[in-house]
Every structure is written in C-alpha cells, then in structure tokens.
C-alpha cells in the first residue's frame, strides 16, 4: 500500500499546492473584520456611519467585510480601526 501524501499536515498540503499564503491572508482578514464588527456593535456604530467616519463609500467598506474577497489594503483596515478609536497592529511572526 502506498502511503505517500502531500505534506505532513494541512498547512504542508496547502503550501505544496501554492495556496497557503492565500488561505492565511483570507483567515487573517476575516479575523480583523470580525474584530471590527465586534467593536462596531460595542459602540453601536452602523456600517454606514463607519463609512462616513472613514470618508469612504459603503461599497468599499462592505468589501472589507466580504468573506469571499481577501484583497483589502492595510490602509483601509487602519482607517476603519482609527474611525473606531482603535489602532491596527501588524507584526511579523
């Protein structure tokens, strides 16, 4: 029986398939979007109000919360954080 497999774990498999960076970026973006939504709920701020504070349109802001679009700029994330009185922290691990 052939027990050969791709990667020793799921991350290894994703890396071999060239999908690891995309999956990790999507997961990180979803975590930050979730944190922003929690802060919005805590402060009772709607997306429309947040977009206004950020001086952007609602469609752009909705892209930040989209589960299917991982392409969001650090600038947009920082603007959202600042509009909520918070600061975005990015670090290399």
C-alpha atoms as a PDB file:
ATOM      1  CA  UNK A   1       0.000   0.000   0.000  1.00  0.00           C
ATOM      2  CA  UNK A   2       1.364   3.420  -0.997  1.00  0.00           C
ATOM      3  CA  UNK A   3       1.212   5.817   1.983  1.00  0.00           C
ATOM      4  CA  UNK A   4       2.750   8.774   0.148  1.00  0.00           C
ATOM      5  CA  UNK A   5       0.835  12.000   0.682  1.00  0.00           C
ATOM      6  CA  UNK A   6       1.205  15.700   0.020  1.00  0.00           C
ATOM      7  CA  UNK A   7       2.670  17.433   3.062  1.00  0.00           C
ATOM      8  CA  UNK A   8       2.771  16.154   6.607  1.00  0.00           C
ATOM      9  CA  UNK A   9      -0.203  18.276   7.636  1.00  0.00           C
ATOM     10  CA  UNK A  10      -2.843  20.509   6.110  1.00  0.00           C
ATOM     11  CA  UNK A  11      -0.529  23.552   6.057  1.00  0.00           C
ATOM     12  CA  UNK A  12       2.058  21.449   4.245  1.00  0.00           C
ATOM     13  CA  UNK A  13      -0.537  20.392   1.711  1.00  0.00           C
ATOM     14  CA  UNK A  14      -1.649  23.996   1.136  1.00  0.00           C
ATOM     15  CA  UNK A  15       1.978  25.077   0.769  1.00  0.00           C
ATOM     16  CA  UNK A  16       2.702  22.380  -1.816  1.00  0.00           C
ATOM     17  CA  UNK A  17      -0.414  23.393  -3.725  1.00  0.00           C
ATOM     18  CA  UNK A  18       0.629  27.072  -3.615  1.00  0.00           C
ATOM     19  CA  UNK A  19      -2.435  28.028  -1.566  1.00  0.00           C
ATOM     20  CA  UNK A  20      -1.032  28.623   1.920  1.00  0.00           C
ATOM     21  CA  UNK A  21      -0.409  32.379   1.628  1.00  0.00           C
ATOM     22  CA  UNK A  22      -3.860  32.988   0.133  1.00  0.00           C
ATOM     23  CA  UNK A  23      -5.605  30.944   2.828  1.00  0.00           C
ATOM     24  CA  UNK A  24      -3.691  32.610   5.637  1.00  0.00           C
ATOM     25  CA  UNK A  25      -4.360  36.089   4.234  1.00  0.00           C
ATOM     26  CA  UNK A  26      -8.066  35.318   3.976  1.00  0.00           C
ATOM     27  CA  UNK A  27      -8.176  33.987   7.536  1.00  0.00           C
ATOM     28  CA  UNK A  28      -6.306  36.992   8.934  1.00  0.00           C
ATOM     29  CA  UNK A  29      -8.578  39.410   7.103  1.00  0.00           C
ATOM     30  CA  UNK A  30     -11.679  37.629   8.433  1.00  0.00           C
ATOM     31  CA  UNK A  31     -10.343  37.826  11.987  1.00  0.00           C
ATOM     32  CA  UNK A  32      -9.685  41.571  11.716  1.00  0.00           C
ATOM     33  CA  UNK A  33     -13.100  42.138  10.078  1.00  0.00           C
ATOM     34  CA  UNK A  34     -14.732  40.196  12.925  1.00  0.00           C
ATOM     35  CA  UNK A  35     -12.859  42.328  15.488  1.00  0.00           C
ATOM     36  CA  UNK A  36     -14.017  45.491  13.722  1.00  0.00           C
ATOM     37  CA  UNK A  37     -17.621  44.245  13.723  1.00  0.00           C
ATOM     38  CA  UNK A  38     -17.413  43.477  17.446  1.00  0.00           C
ATOM     39  CA  UNK A  39     -16.128  46.997  18.126  1.00  0.00           C
ATOM     40  CA  UNK A  40     -18.901  48.450  15.951  1.00  0.00           C
ATOM     41  CA  UNK A  41     -21.502  46.516  17.964  1.00  0.00           C
ATOM     42  CA  UNK A  42     -19.937  47.633  21.230  1.00  0.00           C
ATOM     43  CA  UNK A  43     -20.052  51.266  20.129  1.00  0.00           C
ATOM     44  CA  UNK A  44     -23.413  50.873  18.332  1.00  0.00           C
ATOM     45  CA  UNK A  45     -21.991  52.117  15.023  1.00  0.00           C
ATOM     46  CA  UNK A  46     -23.527  51.028  11.730  1.00  0.00           C
ATOM     47  CA  UNK A  47     -21.542  50.305   8.589  1.00  0.00           C
ATOM     48  CA  UNK A  48     -22.973  53.459   7.036  1.00  0.00           C
ATOM     49  CA  UNK A  49     -21.789  55.532  10.000  1.00  0.00           C
ATOM     50  CA  UNK A  50     -18.356  53.896   9.916  1.00  0.00           C
ATOM     51  CA  UNK A  51     -18.066  54.556   6.172  1.00  0.00           C
ATOM     52  CA  UNK A  52     -18.934  58.197   6.833  1.00  0.00           C
ATOM     53  CA  UNK A  53     -16.281  58.461   9.546  1.00  0.00           C
ATOM     54  CA  UNK A  54     -13.752  56.892   7.184  1.00  0.00           C
ATOM     55  CA  UNK A  55     -14.763  59.248   4.379  1.00  0.00           C
ATOM     56  CA  UNK A  56     -15.380  56.299   2.062  1.00  0.00           C
ATOM     57  CA  UNK A  57     -18.437  54.755   0.456  1.00  0.00           C
ATOM     58  CA  UNK A  58     -20.437  51.858   1.820  1.00  0.00           C
ATOM     59  CA  UNK A  59     -19.494  49.590  -1.102  1.00  0.00           C
ATOM     60  CA  UNK A  60     -15.795  49.933  -0.256  1.00  0.00           C
ATOM     61  CA  UNK A  61     -16.487  49.234   3.396  1.00  0.00           C
ATOM     62  CA  UNK A  62     -18.623  46.204   2.533  1.00  0.00           C
ATOM     63  CA  UNK A  63     -15.618  44.797   0.658  1.00  0.00           C
ATOM     64  CA  UNK A  64     -13.714  44.865   3.930  1.00  0.00           C
ATOM     65  CA  UNK A  65     -16.370  42.620   5.491  1.00  0.00           C
ATOM     66  CA  UNK A  66     -16.769  40.338   2.459  1.00  0.00           C
ATOM     67  CA  UNK A  67     -15.978  36.701   3.249  1.00  0.00           C
ATOM     68  CA  UNK A  68     -15.023  35.965  -0.346  1.00  0.00           C
ATOM     69  CA  UNK A  69     -12.651  38.885  -1.006  1.00  0.00           C
ATOM     70  CA  UNK A  70      -9.349  38.705   0.868  1.00  0.00           C
ATOM     71  CA  UNK A  71      -7.792  41.584  -1.099  1.00  0.00           C
ATOM     72  CA  UNK A  72      -8.095  44.527   1.259  1.00  0.00           C
ATOM     73  CA  UNK A  73      -5.431  47.142   1.848  1.00  0.00           C
ATOM     74  CA  UNK A  74      -3.737  47.771   5.151  1.00  0.00           C
ATOM     75  CA  UNK A  75      -4.680  51.405   4.666  1.00  0.00           C
ATOM     76  CA  UNK A  76      -8.403  50.554   4.627  1.00  0.00           C
ATOM     77  CA  UNK A  77      -8.044  48.374   7.732  1.00  0.00           C
ATOM     78  CA  UNK A  78      -6.158  51.154   9.513  1.00  0.00           C
ATOM     79  CA  UNK A  79      -8.777  53.735   8.513  1.00  0.00           C
ATOM     80  CA  UNK A  80     -11.522  51.519   9.923  1.00  0.00           C
ATOM     81  CA  UNK A  81      -9.608  50.956  13.145  1.00  0.00           C
ATOM     82  CA  UNK A  82      -8.926  54.670  13.589  1.00  0.00           C
ATOM     83  CA  UNK A  83     -12.570  55.526  12.872  1.00  0.00           C
ATOM     84  CA  UNK A  84     -13.439  53.244  15.795  1.00  0.00           C
ATOM     85  CA  UNK A  85     -10.841  54.825  18.059  1.00  0.00           C
ATOM     86  CA  UNK A  86      -8.536  51.815  17.764  1.00  0.00           C
ATOM     87  CA  UNK A  87      -5.191  51.111  16.123  1.00  0.00           C
ATOM     88  CA  UNK A  88      -4.294  48.312  13.720  1.00  0.00           C
ATOM     89  CA  UNK A  89      -1.312  46.227  14.830  1.00  0.00           C
ATOM     90  CA  UNK A  90       0.535  44.150  12.241  1.00  0.00           C
ATOM     91  CA  UNK A  91       3.562  42.102  13.152  1.00  0.00           C
ATOM     92  CA  UNK A  92       5.843  39.594  11.535  1.00  0.00           C
ATOM     93  CA  UNK A  93       5.913  36.285  13.429  1.00  0.00           C
END
